[in-house]
Amino acid sequence: MTERKNIASALEDATLTQPAVDLDYSPVALMPDVKVLKIGGQSIMDRGRAAVFPLLDEIVAAKDKYQLLVCCGGGTRARHIYSICSELEMPTGVLAALGGYVPRQNARMLQMLLAKHGGLFIMHDDFEKLPLYFRLGCIPIMSGMPPFGYWEKPGAEGRIPPNRTDAGVFLSAEVLGVRRAIFVKDEDGLYDDDPKKNPKARPIPRIGARALLAAGLPDLILERVVIEYLTRARFCHELQVINGLRPGLLTRALAGEDVGTIIHQD
């Protein structure tokens, strides 16, 4: 009888449920020069032409300078889906699967508007084709929702998927090896309170991820899980939040300026 061949491996005796084995490796940054940005759903897309078109003009002006990966948020329509599904007592995975259709719709709309400039709608399975799309001069546009769908893990509280479009954008940047992800919202950045409700809220131009989590702010402007991911990221060490309703800020952010708020790995 032929003996079974054993292949030497650092994980050959691991159960994969025990604490991580230190493999002593240096991960590869696949495409560190890509600019990963998210266009907010409720903050930008739901406002229509007045908010969207000026941003698209800045994206078109920057397309020949940078490799741009544009991701879309869901917005109010996604919130309606989450509300209805929660009322029907659907599990978190169903909320994630259904909520993912809305940012996909937003991505398709942006693709149509940018079609004559090389806008290209891509699905998650097309992610590996990004080098080809950039070589062809395209602007890849995708949903910001991570592809967890029905396999989204339940959050600590409630049924709302903890990994939504902010998380998907961060994870895309981390996989590509991009140092900074840009989030285009409708506020000037992070505040110590909700500026829409409290006119005395003070802006926070720069803060570390652990310090931000420890501060216990009522509104982090980004999904909490993204701040948690940032504390242990290998590549994406900064999150930049800018106001997309202020002309020129996206252009400055793409150029590397520290406009808005910078949340960094501490």
Protein backbone atom coordinates (compact mmCIF):
# COMPACT_ATOMS: atom_id res chain seq x y z
CA MET A 1 0.00 0.00 0.00
CA THR A 2 1.38 3.40 -0.97
CA GLU A 3 2.15 5.65 1.97
CA ARG A 4 0.42 8.97 2.16
CA LYS A 5 2.67 11.83 1.15
CA ASN A 6 2.94 14.66 3.64
CA ILE A 7 3.69 18.14 2.37
CA ALA A 8 5.64 20.25 4.83
CA SER A 9 3.64 23.32 5.84
CA ALA A 10 3.47 25.70 8.78
CA LEU A 11 -0.24 24.94 9.00
CA GLU A 12 -0.16 21.17 8.44
CA ASP A 13 -0.98 20.40 12.07
CA ALA A 14 -3.17 23.46 12.68
CA THR A 15 -6.88 23.13 13.36
CA LEU A 16 -7.59 26.61 11.91
CA THR A 17 -9.72 27.29 15.00
CA GLN A 18 -6.78 27.86 17.32
CA PRO A 19 -5.05 31.25 17.66
CA ALA A 20 -3.28 32.36 14.49
CA VAL A 21 0.04 30.74 13.70
CA ASP A 22 2.85 33.23 13.17
CA LEU A 23 3.95 32.55 9.60
CA ASP A 24 6.44 35.41 9.60
CA TYR A 25 5.50 36.72 6.16
CA SER A 26 5.41 40.08 4.44
CA PRO A 27 2.14 40.57 2.51
CA VAL A 28 2.31 42.09 -0.96
CA ALA A 29 0.68 45.42 -1.78
CA LEU A 30 -1.02 44.53 -5.07
CA MET A 31 -1.92 47.98 -6.45
CA PRO A 32 -0.92 50.60 -3.86
CA ASP A 33 -1.25 53.56 -6.25
CA VAL A 34 -4.98 53.14 -6.82
CA LYS A 35 -7.24 55.83 -5.35
CA VAL A 36 -10.18 54.12 -3.62
CA LEU A 37 -13.11 56.44 -2.96
CA LYS A 38 -16.69 56.06 -1.89
CA ILE A 39 -19.57 58.25 -3.05
CA GLY A 40 -22.07 58.34 -0.21
CA GLY A 41 -25.60 57.12 -0.89
CA GLN A 42 -27.75 59.24 1.40
CA SER A 43 -25.23 62.08 1.59
CA ILE A 44 -24.57 62.45 -2.16
CA MET A 45 -26.55 60.16 -4.47
CA ASP A 46 -29.93 60.81 -2.84
CA ARG A 47 -29.46 64.56 -3.36
CA GLY A 48 -29.58 64.14 -7.11
CA ARG A 49 -28.02 66.17 -9.90
CA ALA A 50 -26.94 69.19 -7.85
CA ALA A 51 -24.70 67.05 -5.63
CA VAL A 52 -23.65 64.33 -8.06
CA PHE A 53 -22.72 66.20 -11.24
CA PRO A 54 -20.02 68.49 -9.75
CA LEU A 55 -18.32 65.45 -8.20
CA LEU A 56 -18.39 63.61 -11.51
CA ASP A 57 -16.71 66.61 -13.14
CA GLU A 58 -13.87 66.32 -10.61
CA ILE A 59 -13.61 62.57 -11.22
CA VAL A 60 -13.40 63.08 -14.99
CA ALA A 61 -10.73 65.75 -14.54
CA ALA A 62 -8.69 63.37 -12.38
CA LYS A 63 -9.10 60.17 -14.42
CA ASP A 64 -5.94 60.69 -16.47
CA LYS A 65 -3.85 61.50 -13.38
CA TYR A 66 -4.90 58.63 -11.13
CA GLN A 67 -6.23 55.10 -11.21
CA LEU A 68 -9.65 55.58 -9.63
CA LEU A 69 -11.82 52.87 -8.11
CA VAL A 70 -15.22 54.41 -7.35
CA CYS A 71 -17.50 52.65 -4.86
CA CYS A 72 -21.11 53.57 -4.06
CA GLY A 73 -23.14 53.72 -0.89
CA GLY A 74 -26.78 52.75 -0.53
CA GLY A 75 -28.58 55.62 1.16
CA THR A 76 -32.22 56.07 2.08
CA ARG A 77 -33.54 53.20 -0.05
CA ALA A 78 -31.21 50.75 1.71
CA ARG A 79 -32.46 52.04 5.05
CA HIS A 80 -36.03 51.35 3.95
CA ILE A 81 -35.07 47.77 3.10
CA TYR A 82 -33.39 47.29 6.47
CA SER A 83 -36.44 48.70 8.23
CA ILE A 84 -38.94 46.47 6.43
CA CYS A 85 -36.80 43.35 6.81
CA SER A 86 -36.30 44.05 10.50
CA GLU A 87 -40.05 44.45 10.99
CA LEU A 88 -40.54 41.10 9.25
CA GLU A 89 -37.90 39.62 11.59
CA MET A 90 -35.57 38.58 8.79
CA PRO A 91 -32.04 37.47 9.82
CA THR A 92 -29.02 39.69 9.30
CA GLY A 93 -27.88 37.78 6.21
CA VAL A 94 -31.14 38.52 4.40
CA LEU A 95 -30.83 42.22 5.23
CA ALA A 96 -27.30 42.23 3.84
CA ALA A 97 -28.29 40.41 0.66
CA LEU A 98 -31.27 42.68 -0.08
CA GLY A 99 -29.56 45.88 1.06
CA GLY A 100 -26.74 45.18 -1.36
CA TYR A 101 -28.98 45.83 -4.37
CA VAL A 102 -29.30 49.56 -3.65
CA PRO A 103 -25.60 50.54 -3.82
CA ARG A 104 -25.44 48.36 -6.95
CA GLN A 105 -28.20 50.51 -8.47
CA ASN A 106 -26.28 53.65 -7.55
CA ALA A 107 -23.13 52.24 -9.14
CA ARG A 108 -25.02 51.52 -12.36
CA MET A 109 -26.34 55.08 -12.45
CA LEU A 110 -22.84 56.51 -12.01
CA GLN A 111 -21.57 54.17 -14.73
CA MET A 112 -24.16 55.48 -17.17
CA LEU A 113 -23.29 59.08 -16.34
CA LEU A 114 -19.57 58.37 -16.78
CA ALA A 115 -19.91 56.00 -19.74
CA LYS A 116 -18.50 58.43 -22.30
CA HIS A 117 -15.47 58.94 -20.06
CA GLY A 118 -14.73 55.25 -19.58
CA GLY A 119 -17.05 54.53 -16.66
CA LEU A 120 -17.36 50.77 -16.25
CA PHE A 121 -19.73 48.98 -13.87
CA ILE A 122 -18.06 45.96 -12.26
CA MET A 123 -19.25 43.21 -9.96
CA HIS A 124 -17.21 41.77 -7.12
CA ASP A 125 -16.08 38.89 -9.35
CA ASP A 126 -14.52 41.46 -11.71
CA PHE A 127 -12.22 42.79 -9.01
CA GLU A 128 -9.27 40.76 -10.29
CA LYS A 129 -9.61 42.48 -13.68
CA LEU A 130 -8.81 45.93 -12.28
CA PRO A 131 -5.27 46.02 -13.78
CA LEU A 132 -6.76 45.51 -17.26
CA TYR A 133 -9.46 48.13 -16.75
CA PHE A 134 -6.92 50.71 -15.60
CA ARG A 135 -4.63 49.91 -18.52
CA LEU A 136 -7.58 50.58 -20.84
CA GLY A 137 -8.22 53.95 -19.19
CA CYS A 138 -11.52 52.95 -17.58
CA ILE A 139 -13.08 54.21 -14.36
CA PRO A 140 -14.25 51.04 -12.57
CA ILE A 141 -17.40 51.63 -10.52
CA MET A 142 -18.78 49.09 -8.06
CA SER A 143 -21.05 48.66 -5.09
CA GLY A 144 -19.37 49.45 -1.81
CA MET A 145 -21.18 46.54 -0.14
CA PRO A 146 -18.86 43.65 0.71
CA PRO A 147 -19.87 40.34 -0.91
CA PHE A 148 -20.89 38.64 2.34
CA GLY A 149 -24.62 38.56 1.54
CA TYR A 150 -26.41 35.77 3.37
CA TRP A 151 -23.15 34.95 5.19
CA GLU A 152 -22.95 38.33 6.92
CA LYS A 153 -22.30 37.70 10.60
CA PRO A 154 -24.82 39.16 13.08
CA GLY A 155 -23.81 42.34 14.84
CA ALA A 156 -23.50 42.79 18.58
CA GLU A 157 -26.92 44.49 18.66
CA GLY A 158 -29.95 44.33 16.38
CA ARG A 159 -30.21 42.93 12.86
CA ILE A 160 -28.54 45.67 10.80
CA PRO A 161 -25.49 44.22 8.97
CA PRO A 162 -22.36 45.59 10.66
CA ASN A 163 -20.38 45.32 7.40
CA ARG A 164 -22.03 47.73 4.98
CA THR A 165 -20.66 49.97 2.24
CA ASP A 166 -18.03 51.78 4.34
CA ALA A 167 -16.63 48.39 5.33
CA GLY A 168 -16.58 47.17 1.73
CA VAL A 169 -14.64 50.24 0.62
CA PHE A 170 -12.10 49.81 3.40
CA LEU A 171 -11.64 46.12 2.63
CA SER A 172 -11.14 46.91 -1.07
CA ALA A 173 -8.40 49.39 -0.17
CA GLU A 174 -6.78 46.88 2.18
CA VAL A 175 -6.75 44.10 -0.44
CA LEU A 176 -5.20 46.44 -3.02
CA GLY A 177 -2.59 47.67 -0.55
CA VAL A 178 -3.80 51.29 -0.64
CA ARG A 179 -2.68 53.44 2.28
CA ARG A 180 -5.68 55.83 2.39
CA ALA A 181 -9.36 55.36 1.52
CA ILE A 182 -11.48 58.45 0.76
CA PHE A 183 -15.10 58.73 1.91
CA VAL A 184 -17.18 61.45 0.25
CA LYS A 185 -19.95 62.51 2.63
CA ASP A 186 -22.09 65.62 3.17
CA GLU A 187 -20.23 66.94 6.21
CA ASP A 188 -16.79 68.49 6.64
CA GLY A 189 -15.57 65.43 8.51
CA LEU A 190 -15.85 64.01 12.00
CA TYR A 191 -17.30 66.07 14.87
CA ASP A 192 -17.59 65.48 18.60
CA ASP A 193 -21.38 65.45 18.13
CA ASP A 194 -23.86 65.35 15.25
CA PRO A 195 -23.47 68.78 13.56
CA LYS A 196 -26.90 68.45 11.96
CA LYS A 197 -28.47 68.41 15.42
CA ASN A 198 -25.93 70.35 17.46
CA PRO A 199 -24.66 73.60 15.88
CA LYS A 200 -21.98 73.80 18.60
CA ALA A 201 -20.42 70.48 17.60
CA ARG A 202 -16.65 70.83 17.16
CA PRO A 203 -14.76 69.37 14.21
CA ILE A 204 -12.05 66.75 14.74
CA PRO A 205 -9.49 67.17 11.94
CA ARG A 206 -7.29 64.22 12.94
CA ILE A 207 -7.62 61.35 15.41
CA GLY A 208 -6.29 57.82 15.97
CA ALA A 209 -8.60 54.85 15.54
CA ARG A 210 -8.17 53.52 19.09
CA ALA A 211 -8.62 56.99 20.56
CA LEU A 212 -11.79 57.42 18.51
CA LEU A 213 -13.25 54.14 19.70
CA ALA A 214 -12.38 55.01 23.29
CA ALA A 215 -14.02 58.44 23.00
CA GLY A 216 -17.48 56.89 22.80
CA LEU A 217 -18.87 59.46 20.39
CA PRO A 218 -22.56 59.08 19.48
CA ASP A 219 -21.81 59.29 15.76
CA LEU A 220 -18.56 58.13 14.13
CA ILE A 221 -19.67 59.22 10.58
CA LEU A 222 -18.28 55.86 9.39
CA GLU A 223 -19.40 52.37 10.33
CA ARG A 224 -17.88 51.41 13.68
CA VAL A 225 -16.56 48.13 12.31
CA VAL A 226 -14.37 50.09 9.86
CA ILE A 227 -12.64 51.89 12.72
CA GLU A 228 -12.10 48.53 14.39
CA TYR A 229 -10.62 47.09 11.19
CA LEU A 230 -8.29 50.07 10.92
CA THR A 231 -6.62 49.19 14.22
CA ARG A 232 -5.27 45.93 12.76
CA ALA A 233 -4.94 46.72 9.04
CA ARG A 234 -1.76 45.80 7.19
CA PHE A 235 -1.92 48.44 4.46
CA CYS A 236 -4.85 50.85 4.72
CA HIS A 237 -3.71 53.03 7.61
CA GLU A 238 -5.82 56.14 7.01
CA LEU A 239 -9.46 57.00 6.36
CA GLN A 240 -10.20 60.44 4.94
CA VAL A 241 -13.70 61.90 5.25
CA ILE A 242 -14.49 64.93 3.09
CA ASN A 243 -17.50 67.04 2.23
CA GLY A 244 -18.50 66.24 -1.34
CA LEU A 245 -20.85 69.23 -1.43
CA ARG A 246 -17.89 71.60 -1.32
CA PRO A 247 -16.39 71.98 -4.81
CA GLY A 248 -12.71 71.12 -5.16
CA LEU A 249 -12.30 69.08 -1.98
CA LEU A 250 -12.30 65.75 -3.80
CA THR A 251 -9.60 67.03 -6.17
CA ARG A 252 -7.48 68.12 -3.22
CA ALA A 253 -8.03 64.82 -1.42
CA LEU A 254 -6.98 62.85 -4.50
CA ALA A 255 -3.83 64.97 -4.61
CA GLY A 256 -3.00 63.85 -1.07
CA GLU A 257 -4.04 66.94 0.91
CA ASP A 258 -5.27 66.38 4.46
CA VAL A 259 -8.63 68.08 3.96
CA GLY A 260 -11.62 67.01 6.00
CA THR A 261 -10.90 64.51 8.78
CA ILE A 262 -8.09 61.95 8.84
CA ILE A 263 -8.67 58.87 11.02
CA HIS A 264 -5.35 57.06 11.26
CA GLN A 265 -4.03 53.82 12.66
CA ASP A 266 -2.47 54.50 16.05
